[in-house]
Amino acid sequence: MRCVLFVCLLFCSLSGMALDRSRVEGYLLPNGLQVILKSGYESDHVAIRLVVGVGLDDFNCEQKELPHLLEHLLFSGLDEAGEGGLEQRMQALGGEWNAFTSSADTTFVIETPARNQRKVLDLLLSAIRDTDLDERDLATAKKIIEREDGGHYGHLQRWLDRQDIGHRASDQLATELGLKCPERSSIEDMTLEQTQALRNRWYAANNMTLIVVGGLDRLLPAYLDRTYAELPPSEPEERRNLDSISQQAEQRRELTRGWLGDSVKLHWLFIEPVLDNAHDQTLELVSRYLDWALYDQLRLRHGLSYGPSTQRESFGDSGMLSLNADLERDDINEAVKVLEAMFDNLRENGLDAETFERIKQAAMARESWATQGNSALADYYWGALNDYENGRFKDPVRKIRDVTLKEADEALHELLKDPGYLRIEKPLLGDDELYGLAALTVGVILALGLLRLRLRRRPTPRRSGATRKR
């Protein structure tokens, strides 16, 4: 009986080790391409992520969409069958693929049956290495990006962008601070030569990471040594410096969103401080604490907002934390006063120890179930590449656990040392304002009608003097 129990415990421990997401098989191919392999949750499925270290922030405002343009070009086809033929080949393998260009990287995302993983990787390799770029495909890719960005970028839309009309509050503030381009880059001016130069420089083996999670083929490492190891490397070059805050921004602005309504959105934004230790985990816990405080004050205590929330974003070299609330138009001033009082209390008294510990425990617990399935695990590795070293990713639970109340308190005080930036998004007119305007319009029309009627009823004076006779 004891032997059976020991065997059961042994198998359970091995199973737990197999699903330890921090440990992976990672190595470099001779050409410098980084490979990360992980046996995942579902053995009949594989999630593939090819991360190329080039993104929007590697180019100035005039050429910022260039990596996005090349991403679309690489789906234009390998032969006369074109884009449709390429998609048919992926469908025949039972796979799905897409690609995303972010500020920091360009990533090809693939889901495929495990039995076809090598064939799918063949197709991906052909797409990034063998796709011929031509003017016709370039024109098509430009139209696709134009549609994704909201349609033709004419003079009117360019003028609206320059006036910050239609931008989200965080985008508007980032533009005002000089962290974001005030308008879209001109896709029409981009050339085939520029996309080819980008491909030669950035789509190099030593600037890529291949992540494969799921039911791994036992011959996969040998396959990668024979195929992906043939991708040429390039001489490393320094990346463009990220944009820094270079301009002043107004502390409070009201932004017009729509024409009519009483629903408004309040955004109170703060620039995140740069911390020496556990930067992301500390600020994430501070963000979660503020999310609770916002919920407690605006919904539970004052009933001003149904769904207040916090959000973290990055622009250039700066992080931005925003506190957001949906409000009624008449409640704006009261909500501002409630938040000002909340900030004053946090500046004076800091974080409540019991509340902070509860939120910290909830954050650690979430890490145990947030990454379920091969796709989620592959996405986790994609997002945590900066925390990878020698076959291991840093344990996120341990990193959260190590954040102390004192460290979070200091981060909070750094965050709130400036008043922040208040942005209120509201329609041009509220319902009451519309009724008042309508009443005023009707009053003016009636007054003009009465004035005209009065003038018509006034008797015409007779002329004096003799009439000349013939």
Protein backbone atom coordinates (compact mmCIF):
# COMPACT_ATOMS: atom_id res chain seq x y z
CA MET A 1 0.00 0.00 0.00
CA ARG A 2 2.82 2.37 0.86
CA CYS A 3 4.48 1.64 -2.49
CA VAL A 4 1.27 2.48 -4.36
CA LEU A 5 0.95 5.73 -2.39
CA PHE A 6 4.58 6.62 -3.14
CA VAL A 7 4.08 5.99 -6.86
CA CYS A 8 0.96 8.20 -6.88
CA LEU A 9 2.81 11.01 -5.12
CA LEU A 10 5.71 10.65 -7.56
CA PHE A 11 3.42 10.95 -10.56
CA CYS A 12 1.65 13.97 -9.06
CA SER A 13 4.96 15.72 -8.45
CA LEU A 14 6.14 14.98 -11.99
CA SER A 15 2.88 16.34 -13.37
CA GLY A 16 3.30 19.53 -11.33
CA MET A 17 6.85 19.91 -12.62
CA ALA A 18 5.69 19.41 -16.22
CA LEU A 19 3.28 22.32 -15.87
CA ASP A 20 5.76 24.60 -14.12
CA ARG A 21 5.52 27.54 -16.52
CA SER A 22 8.74 29.13 -15.28
CA ARG A 23 10.93 26.30 -16.60
CA VAL A 24 11.29 25.88 -20.37
CA GLU A 25 13.70 24.38 -22.86
CA GLY A 26 15.47 27.41 -24.25
CA TYR A 27 18.55 27.73 -26.41
CA LEU A 28 20.12 29.69 -29.28
CA LEU A 29 20.49 28.33 -32.79
CA PRO A 30 23.93 28.88 -34.39
CA ASN A 31 22.57 31.93 -36.25
CA GLY A 32 21.45 33.58 -33.00
CA LEU A 33 17.72 32.81 -33.20
CA GLN A 34 16.34 32.23 -29.69
CA VAL A 35 14.14 29.14 -29.27
CA ILE A 36 11.75 28.56 -26.35
CA LEU A 37 9.98 25.18 -26.22
CA LYS A 38 7.44 24.06 -23.63
CA SER A 39 5.29 20.94 -23.33
CA GLY A 40 1.91 22.49 -22.61
CA TYR A 41 -1.56 21.54 -21.46
CA GLU A 42 -3.11 20.05 -24.62
CA SER A 43 -1.03 17.43 -26.40
CA ASP A 44 -2.98 17.59 -29.68
CA HIS A 45 -2.47 21.34 -30.13
CA VAL A 46 0.50 23.67 -30.56
CA ALA A 47 0.68 27.44 -30.12
CA ILE A 48 3.47 29.16 -32.05
CA ARG A 49 4.72 32.73 -31.61
CA LEU A 50 7.50 34.16 -33.77
CA VAL A 51 8.57 37.45 -32.20
CA VAL A 52 10.59 39.85 -34.35
CA GLY A 53 12.30 42.65 -32.44
CA VAL A 54 10.99 45.59 -34.46
CA GLY A 55 7.97 47.74 -33.71
CA LEU A 56 6.38 51.10 -34.26
CA ASP A 57 8.66 52.87 -31.78
CA ASP A 58 11.71 52.01 -33.87
CA PHE A 59 10.69 54.65 -36.44
CA ASN A 60 9.95 58.35 -36.39
CA CYS A 61 6.46 59.75 -36.92
CA GLU A 62 6.76 59.91 -40.71
CA GLN A 63 7.63 56.19 -41.00
CA LYS A 64 6.01 54.72 -37.91
CA GLU A 65 3.66 52.44 -39.90
CA LEU A 66 6.50 50.90 -41.92
CA PRO A 67 6.83 47.67 -39.85
CA HIS A 68 3.04 47.31 -39.92
CA LEU A 69 3.14 47.63 -43.71
CA LEU A 70 5.78 44.93 -44.04
CA GLU A 71 3.78 42.64 -41.74
CA HIS A 72 0.86 42.78 -44.19
CA LEU A 73 3.13 42.31 -47.19
CA LEU A 74 4.43 39.04 -45.77
CA PHE A 75 0.91 37.58 -46.09
CA SER A 76 0.62 38.50 -49.77
CA GLY A 77 1.53 35.03 -51.09
CA LEU A 78 4.40 32.82 -52.19
CA ASP A 79 3.42 32.08 -55.79
CA GLU A 80 0.86 32.98 -58.45
CA ALA A 81 -1.94 31.83 -56.11
CA GLY A 82 -1.29 34.96 -54.07
CA GLU A 83 -2.74 35.79 -50.67
CA GLY A 84 -5.70 33.42 -51.11
CA GLY A 85 -3.46 30.51 -52.00
CA LEU A 86 -1.31 31.13 -48.93
CA GLU A 87 -4.38 31.12 -46.69
CA GLN A 88 -5.67 27.92 -48.34
CA ARG A 89 -2.38 26.18 -47.55
CA MET A 90 -2.70 27.11 -43.89
CA GLN A 91 -6.33 25.97 -43.81
CA ALA A 92 -5.35 22.64 -45.38
CA LEU A 93 -3.03 22.11 -42.41
CA GLY A 94 -5.84 22.85 -39.95
CA GLY A 95 -4.12 25.98 -38.67
CA GLU A 96 -4.97 29.64 -38.12
CA TRP A 97 -2.56 32.54 -38.17
CA ASN A 98 -2.38 36.27 -37.68
CA ALA A 99 0.21 38.91 -36.93
CA PHE A 100 0.41 41.97 -34.70
CA THR A 101 2.68 44.99 -34.81
CA SER A 102 3.03 46.72 -31.44
CA SER A 103 5.23 49.51 -30.18
CA ALA A 104 8.03 47.06 -29.33
CA ASP A 105 7.77 44.07 -31.69
CA THR A 106 6.08 42.33 -34.61
CA THR A 107 4.69 38.90 -33.73
CA PHE A 108 3.27 36.11 -35.88
CA VAL A 109 0.64 34.15 -33.95
CA ILE A 110 -0.29 30.60 -35.04
CA GLU A 111 -2.58 27.90 -33.65
CA THR A 112 -2.24 24.46 -35.25
CA PRO A 113 -2.84 20.74 -34.68
CA ALA A 114 0.25 19.20 -33.14
CA ARG A 115 0.55 16.63 -35.94
CA ASN A 116 1.19 19.41 -38.49
CA GLN A 117 3.48 21.66 -36.47
CA ARG A 118 6.53 21.16 -38.67
CA LYS A 119 4.56 21.75 -41.88
CA VAL A 120 3.08 24.93 -40.41
CA LEU A 121 6.53 26.10 -39.33
CA ASP A 122 7.69 25.43 -42.91
CA LEU A 123 4.94 27.70 -44.22
CA LEU A 124 5.79 30.44 -41.70
CA LEU A 125 9.48 30.25 -42.62
CA SER A 126 8.63 30.53 -46.32
CA ALA A 127 6.39 33.54 -45.69
CA ILE A 128 9.03 35.57 -43.87
CA ARG A 129 11.96 34.45 -46.03
CA ASP A 130 10.66 33.82 -49.55
CA THR A 131 7.80 36.28 -50.08
CA ASP A 132 8.52 38.45 -53.12
CA LEU A 133 7.59 42.08 -52.53
CA ASP A 134 6.10 43.92 -55.51
CA GLU A 135 4.26 47.16 -56.18
CA ARG A 136 0.85 45.54 -56.60
CA ASP A 137 1.01 43.84 -53.21
CA LEU A 138 2.36 47.05 -51.68
CA ALA A 139 -0.67 48.99 -52.94
CA THR A 140 -3.02 46.33 -51.52
CA ALA A 141 -1.29 46.36 -48.13
CA LYS A 142 -1.58 50.15 -48.00
CA LYS A 143 -5.33 49.94 -48.58
CA ILE A 144 -5.70 47.35 -45.83
CA ILE A 145 -3.87 49.50 -43.30
CA GLU A 146 -5.89 52.53 -44.37
CA ARG A 147 -9.09 50.61 -43.67
CA GLU A 148 -7.78 49.38 -40.30
CA ASP A 149 -6.98 52.96 -39.32
CA GLY A 150 -10.49 54.17 -40.10
CA GLY A 151 -10.50 54.88 -43.82
CA HIS A 152 -8.93 57.37 -46.17
CA TYR A 153 -6.72 59.83 -44.31
CA GLY A 154 -7.83 63.07 -45.94
CA HIS A 155 -7.18 66.68 -45.05
CA LEU A 156 -10.23 66.84 -42.74
CA GLN A 157 -9.18 63.80 -40.67
CA ARG A 158 -5.61 65.10 -40.48
CA TRP A 159 -6.92 68.46 -39.20
CA LEU A 160 -9.14 66.69 -36.64
CA ASP A 161 -6.14 64.68 -35.41
CA ARG A 162 -4.13 67.85 -34.96
CA GLN A 163 -6.97 69.31 -32.89
CA ASP A 164 -7.06 66.18 -30.65
CA ILE A 165 -10.63 65.51 -31.80
CA GLY A 166 -11.68 61.86 -31.53
CA HIS A 167 -8.62 60.67 -29.56
CA ARG A 168 -8.89 58.71 -26.32
CA ALA A 169 -7.98 60.72 -23.24
CA SER A 170 -4.68 58.89 -22.73
CA ASP A 171 -3.75 59.27 -26.41
CA GLN A 172 -4.64 62.96 -26.27
CA LEU A 173 -2.46 63.53 -23.19
CA ALA A 174 0.42 61.52 -24.68
CA THR A 175 0.26 63.70 -27.79
CA GLU A 176 0.16 66.85 -25.69
CA LEU A 177 3.24 65.71 -23.75
CA GLY A 178 5.16 64.83 -26.93
CA LEU A 179 5.06 61.06 -26.29
CA LYS A 180 2.86 60.25 -29.28
CA CYS A 181 2.71 61.46 -32.87
CA PRO A 182 -0.02 64.05 -33.45
CA GLU A 183 -1.14 62.41 -36.70
CA ARG A 184 -0.77 59.19 -38.68
CA SER A 185 2.31 58.54 -40.76
CA SER A 186 1.83 58.89 -44.50
CA ILE A 187 1.38 55.36 -45.84
CA GLU A 188 1.23 56.63 -49.41
CA ASP A 189 4.81 57.92 -49.28
CA MET A 190 6.30 54.56 -48.22
CA THR A 191 8.20 52.67 -50.89
CA LEU A 192 8.99 49.08 -51.75
CA GLU A 193 12.68 49.80 -51.19
CA GLN A 194 11.99 50.93 -47.63
CA THR A 195 10.08 47.75 -46.77
CA GLN A 196 12.81 45.59 -48.29
CA ALA A 197 15.50 47.45 -46.31
CA LEU A 198 13.49 46.94 -43.12
CA ARG A 199 13.18 43.24 -43.87
CA ASN A 200 16.91 42.84 -44.49
CA ARG A 201 17.89 44.70 -41.33
CA TRP A 202 15.30 43.62 -38.77
CA TYR A 203 14.00 40.22 -39.93
CA ALA A 204 17.30 38.62 -39.02
CA ALA A 205 17.77 35.43 -37.04
CA ASN A 206 19.52 37.13 -34.13
CA ASN A 207 16.56 39.53 -33.80
CA MET A 208 13.92 36.79 -33.46
CA THR A 209 12.48 34.52 -30.79
CA LEU A 210 10.50 31.39 -31.69
CA ILE A 211 8.10 30.15 -29.00
CA VAL A 212 6.38 26.76 -29.36
CA VAL A 213 4.02 25.48 -26.64
CA GLY A 214 1.89 22.33 -26.58
CA GLY A 215 2.29 18.78 -27.85
CA LEU A 216 5.85 19.11 -29.10
CA ASP A 217 7.12 16.86 -31.87
CA ARG A 218 10.09 14.88 -30.52
CA LEU A 219 11.99 15.75 -33.73
CA LEU A 220 11.28 19.46 -33.44
CA PRO A 221 14.74 20.53 -32.17
CA ALA A 222 16.44 18.65 -35.03
CA TYR A 223 13.98 20.16 -37.50
CA LEU A 224 14.73 23.69 -36.26
CA ASP A 225 18.47 23.07 -36.54
CA ARG A 226 17.96 22.07 -40.17
CA THR A 227 15.53 24.84 -41.23
CA TYR A 228 15.33 27.95 -39.06
CA ALA A 229 19.08 27.82 -38.47
CA GLU A 230 19.45 28.78 -42.14
CA LEU A 231 17.96 32.23 -41.60
CA PRO A 232 20.76 34.79 -41.95
CA PRO A 233 21.78 36.94 -38.98
CA SER A 234 22.65 40.61 -39.22
CA GLU A 235 25.01 42.97 -37.51
CA PRO A 236 23.26 44.35 -34.41
CA GLU A 237 22.45 48.04 -34.49
CA GLU A 238 21.32 50.39 -31.78
CA ARG A 239 17.58 50.86 -31.59
CA ARG A 240 16.00 54.28 -31.76
CA ASN A 241 15.64 56.04 -28.41
CA LEU A 242 12.08 56.10 -27.15
CA ASP A 243 10.29 59.44 -27.08
CA SER A 244 10.43 61.30 -23.77
CA ILE A 245 8.18 63.96 -22.28
CA SER A 246 9.16 67.13 -24.11
CA GLN A 247 6.12 69.40 -23.81
CA GLN A 248 3.81 70.80 -21.17
CA ALA A 249 0.19 69.69 -20.85
CA GLU A 250 -2.82 71.41 -19.32
CA GLN A 251 -3.84 70.05 -15.94
CA ARG A 252 -7.54 69.94 -16.84
CA ARG A 253 -9.27 69.75 -20.21
CA GLU A 254 -12.76 68.93 -21.41
CA LEU A 255 -12.86 66.86 -24.59
CA THR A 256 -15.88 66.76 -26.87
CA ARG A 257 -17.08 63.22 -27.65
CA GLY A 258 -20.31 63.09 -29.65
CA TRP A 259 -23.10 65.57 -30.05
CA LEU A 260 -25.79 64.82 -27.47
CA GLY A 261 -26.11 63.02 -24.15
CA ASP A 262 -25.77 63.20 -20.37
CA SER A 263 -23.21 60.37 -20.00
CA VAL A 264 -19.61 61.53 -19.55
CA LYS A 265 -16.30 59.83 -18.81
CA LEU A 266 -13.75 61.11 -16.33
CA HIS A 267 -10.07 60.19 -16.66
CA TRP A 268 -7.50 61.21 -14.05
CA LEU A 269 -4.07 60.35 -15.41
CA PHE A 270 -0.70 60.15 -13.67
CA ILE A 271 2.80 59.59 -15.06
CA GLU A 272 4.28 56.47 -13.45
CA PRO A 273 7.56 56.88 -11.58
CA VAL A 274 10.60 54.78 -12.52
CA LEU A 275 11.34 52.36 -9.68
CA ASP A 276 14.70 50.73 -8.99
CA ASN A 277 13.25 47.41 -7.84
CA ALA A 278 10.28 45.32 -9.05
CA HIS A 279 8.99 48.23 -11.12
CA ASP A 280 6.13 46.47 -12.91
CA GLN A 281 4.90 44.34 -9.99
CA THR A 282 4.94 47.26 -7.53
CA LEU A 283 3.03 49.60 -9.82
CA GLU A 284 0.61 46.82 -10.71
CA LEU A 285 -0.23 46.36 -7.02
CA VAL A 286 -0.60 50.13 -6.62
CA SER A 287 -2.91 50.13 -9.63
CA ARG A 288 -5.03 47.33 -8.15
CA TYR A 289 -5.20 49.18 -4.82
CA LEU A 290 -6.37 52.36 -6.56
CA ASP A 291 -8.89 50.32 -8.54
CA TRP A 292 -10.41 49.17 -5.24
CA ALA A 293 -10.29 52.68 -3.73
CA LEU A 294 -12.01 54.08 -6.82
CA TYR A 295 -14.72 51.42 -6.63
CA ASP A 296 -15.17 51.99 -2.91
CA GLN A 297 -15.47 55.76 -3.16
CA LEU A 298 -17.34 56.37 -6.41
CA ARG A 299 -19.68 53.39 -6.42
CA LEU A 300 -20.15 52.05 -2.91
CA ARG A 301 -19.99 55.23 -0.84
CA HIS A 302 -21.27 57.92 -3.21
CA GLY A 303 -23.09 56.07 -5.99
CA LEU A 304 -21.61 58.27 -8.70
CA SER A 305 -20.19 55.65 -11.07
CA TYR A 306 -21.30 52.15 -11.99
CA GLY A 307 -18.01 50.81 -13.33
CA PRO A 308 -14.93 52.81 -12.28
CA SER A 309 -11.58 51.25 -13.16
CA THR A 310 -7.85 51.82 -13.54
CA GLN A 311 -5.66 51.20 -16.56
CA ARG A 312 -1.92 51.16 -17.21
CA GLU A 313 -0.45 52.09 -20.61
CA SER A 314 2.94 53.01 -22.00
CA PHE A 315 3.84 55.78 -24.42
CA GLY A 316 7.43 56.29 -25.49
CA ASP A 317 9.64 55.85 -22.44
CA SER A 318 6.88 56.69 -19.94
CA GLY A 319 4.17 54.70 -18.23
CA MET A 320 0.75 56.21 -17.61
CA LEU A 321 -1.82 55.15 -15.02
CA SER A 322 -5.37 56.40 -15.44
CA LEU A 323 -8.33 56.32 -13.08
CA ASN A 324 -11.53 56.15 -15.12
CA ALA A 325 -15.19 56.60 -14.25
CA ASP A 326 -18.49 56.77 -16.09
CA LEU A 327 -20.62 59.61 -14.73
CA GLU A 328 -23.75 61.65 -15.26
CA ARG A 329 -23.11 65.14 -16.57
CA ASP A 330 -24.42 66.80 -13.41
CA ASP A 331 -22.13 64.69 -11.17
CA ILE A 332 -18.78 65.81 -12.59
CA ASN A 333 -17.94 68.39 -9.92
CA GLU A 334 -18.95 66.11 -7.06
CA ALA A 335 -16.87 63.24 -8.46
CA VAL A 336 -13.84 65.52 -8.82
CA LYS A 337 -14.17 66.56 -5.16
CA VAL A 338 -14.47 62.92 -4.04
CA LEU A 339 -11.31 61.99 -5.95
CA GLU A 340 -9.38 65.00 -4.66
CA ALA A 341 -10.28 63.97 -1.12
CA MET A 342 -9.24 60.38 -1.86
CA PHE A 343 -5.86 61.53 -3.21
CA ASP A 344 -5.29 63.82 -0.22
CA ASN A 345 -6.01 60.93 2.16
CA LEU A 346 -3.62 58.62 0.30
CA ARG A 347 -0.88 61.26 0.28
CA GLU A 348 -1.27 61.81 4.02
CA ASN A 349 -1.94 58.28 5.30
CA GLY A 350 -0.58 56.02 2.55
CA LEU A 351 -1.84 52.52 1.89
CA ASP A 352 -3.96 50.66 4.40
CA ALA A 353 -1.92 47.60 5.42
CA GLU A 354 -4.86 45.18 5.66
CA THR A 355 -6.34 46.24 2.31
CA PHE A 356 -2.95 46.06 0.61
CA GLU A 357 -2.31 42.53 1.91
CA ARG A 358 -5.74 41.38 0.68
CA ILE A 359 -5.12 42.80 -2.78
CA LYS A 360 -1.63 41.33 -2.87
CA GLN A 361 -2.92 37.86 -2.00
CA ALA A 362 -5.61 38.15 -4.69
CA ALA A 363 -2.97 39.14 -7.27
CA MET A 364 -0.83 36.12 -6.39
CA ALA A 365 -3.84 33.80 -6.49
CA ARG A 366 -4.76 35.09 -9.94
CA GLU A 367 -1.38 34.06 -11.28
CA SER A 368 -2.22 30.43 -10.54
CA TRP A 369 -5.22 30.36 -12.88
CA ALA A 370 -4.74 33.27 -15.31
CA THR A 371 -2.52 31.31 -17.72
CA GLN A 372 -4.49 28.22 -18.74
CA GLY A 373 -4.00 26.47 -22.07
CA ASN A 374 -1.22 26.40 -24.64
CA SER A 375 -2.19 29.70 -26.28
CA ALA A 376 -2.28 31.61 -23.01
CA LEU A 377 1.06 30.11 -21.98
CA ALA A 378 2.65 31.08 -25.32
CA ASP A 379 1.30 34.61 -24.94
CA TYR A 380 2.70 34.75 -21.42
CA TYR A 381 6.18 33.84 -22.67
CA TRP A 382 5.80 36.43 -25.43
CA GLY A 383 5.02 39.16 -22.91
CA ALA A 384 7.67 38.08 -20.40
CA LEU A 385 10.70 37.76 -22.70
CA ASN A 386 12.52 40.44 -20.72
CA ASP A 387 12.28 38.15 -17.67
CA TYR A 388 13.80 35.12 -19.41
CA GLU A 389 17.30 33.83 -18.74
CA ASN A 390 18.99 30.43 -19.07
CA GLY A 391 15.89 28.31 -19.52
CA ARG A 392 13.78 30.00 -16.86
CA PHE A 393 11.28 32.82 -16.60
CA LYS A 394 11.16 34.64 -13.31
CA ASP A 395 8.35 33.36 -11.11
CA PRO A 396 5.62 36.07 -11.20
CA VAL A 397 4.13 34.92 -7.87
CA ARG A 398 7.46 35.30 -6.12
CA LYS A 399 8.00 38.73 -7.69
CA ILE A 400 4.61 39.88 -6.38
CA ARG A 401 5.19 38.32 -2.97
CA ASP A 402 8.50 40.18 -2.62
CA VAL A 403 6.85 43.61 -2.96
CA THR A 404 6.58 45.10 0.51
CA LEU A 405 4.03 47.55 1.87
CA LYS A 406 6.80 50.11 2.29
CA GLU A 407 7.89 49.82 -1.36
CA ALA A 408 4.31 50.14 -2.61
CA ASP A 409 3.72 53.10 -0.30
CA GLU A 410 6.78 54.90 -1.64
CA ALA A 411 5.68 54.20 -5.21
CA LEU A 412 2.23 55.59 -4.44
CA HIS A 413 3.67 58.81 -3.01
CA GLU A 414 5.89 59.22 -6.08
CA LEU A 415 2.88 58.66 -8.32
CA LEU A 416 0.71 61.21 -6.50
CA LYS A 417 3.35 63.87 -5.83
CA ASP A 418 2.03 65.81 -8.85
CA PRO A 419 -1.67 66.64 -9.27
CA GLY A 420 -1.96 64.58 -12.45
CA TYR A 421 -4.00 65.41 -15.53
CA LEU A 422 -7.78 65.52 -15.53
CA ARG A 423 -9.58 64.82 -18.79
CA ILE A 424 -13.38 64.85 -19.07
CA GLU A 425 -14.98 63.42 -22.19
CA LYS A 426 -18.53 64.60 -22.78
CA PRO A 427 -20.95 65.24 -25.65
CA LEU A 428 -21.29 68.76 -27.01
CA LEU A 429 -24.77 69.18 -25.52
CA GLY A 430 -26.57 67.59 -22.60
CA ASP A 431 -30.28 66.83 -22.68
CA ASP A 432 -31.17 69.86 -20.52
CA GLU A 433 -28.96 72.09 -22.64
CA LEU A 434 -30.69 70.82 -25.78
CA TYR A 435 -34.12 71.55 -24.29
CA GLY A 436 -32.97 75.00 -23.24
CA LEU A 437 -31.54 75.66 -26.69
CA ALA A 438 -34.74 74.45 -28.32
CA ALA A 439 -36.84 76.65 -26.02
CA LEU A 440 -34.59 79.62 -26.76
CA THR A 441 -34.87 78.97 -30.50
CA VAL A 442 -38.68 78.74 -30.31
CA GLY A 443 -38.76 81.94 -28.23
CA VAL A 444 -36.64 83.80 -30.75
CA ILE A 445 -38.83 82.59 -33.63
CA LEU A 446 -42.01 83.66 -31.81
CA ALA A 447 -40.52 87.02 -30.93
CA LEU A 448 -39.53 87.65 -34.54
CA GLY A 449 -43.00 86.57 -35.71
CA LEU A 450 -44.72 88.93 -33.29
CA LEU A 451 -42.41 91.76 -34.25
CA ARG A 452 -43.12 91.21 -37.93
CA LEU A 453 -46.91 91.04 -37.31
CA ARG A 454 -46.78 94.24 -35.29
CA LEU A 455 -44.90 96.03 -38.03
CA ARG A 456 -47.44 94.89 -40.64
CA ARG A 457 -50.39 96.19 -38.54
CA ARG A 458 -48.88 99.62 -37.98
CA PRO A 459 -50.82 102.26 -40.10
CA THR A 460 -48.92 103.85 -42.99
CA PRO A 461 -48.65 107.69 -42.59
CA ARG A 462 -50.18 109.82 -45.41
CA ARG A 463 -47.98 112.07 -47.47
CA SER A 464 -48.61 115.85 -47.29
CA GLY A 465 -48.40 118.43 -50.19
CA ALA A 466 -50.40 119.34 -53.35
CA THR A 467 -50.87 117.03 -56.25
CA ARG A 468 -49.73 118.39 -59.61
CA LYS A 469 -52.42 118.43 -62.31
CA ARG A 470 -51.86 118.13 -66.03
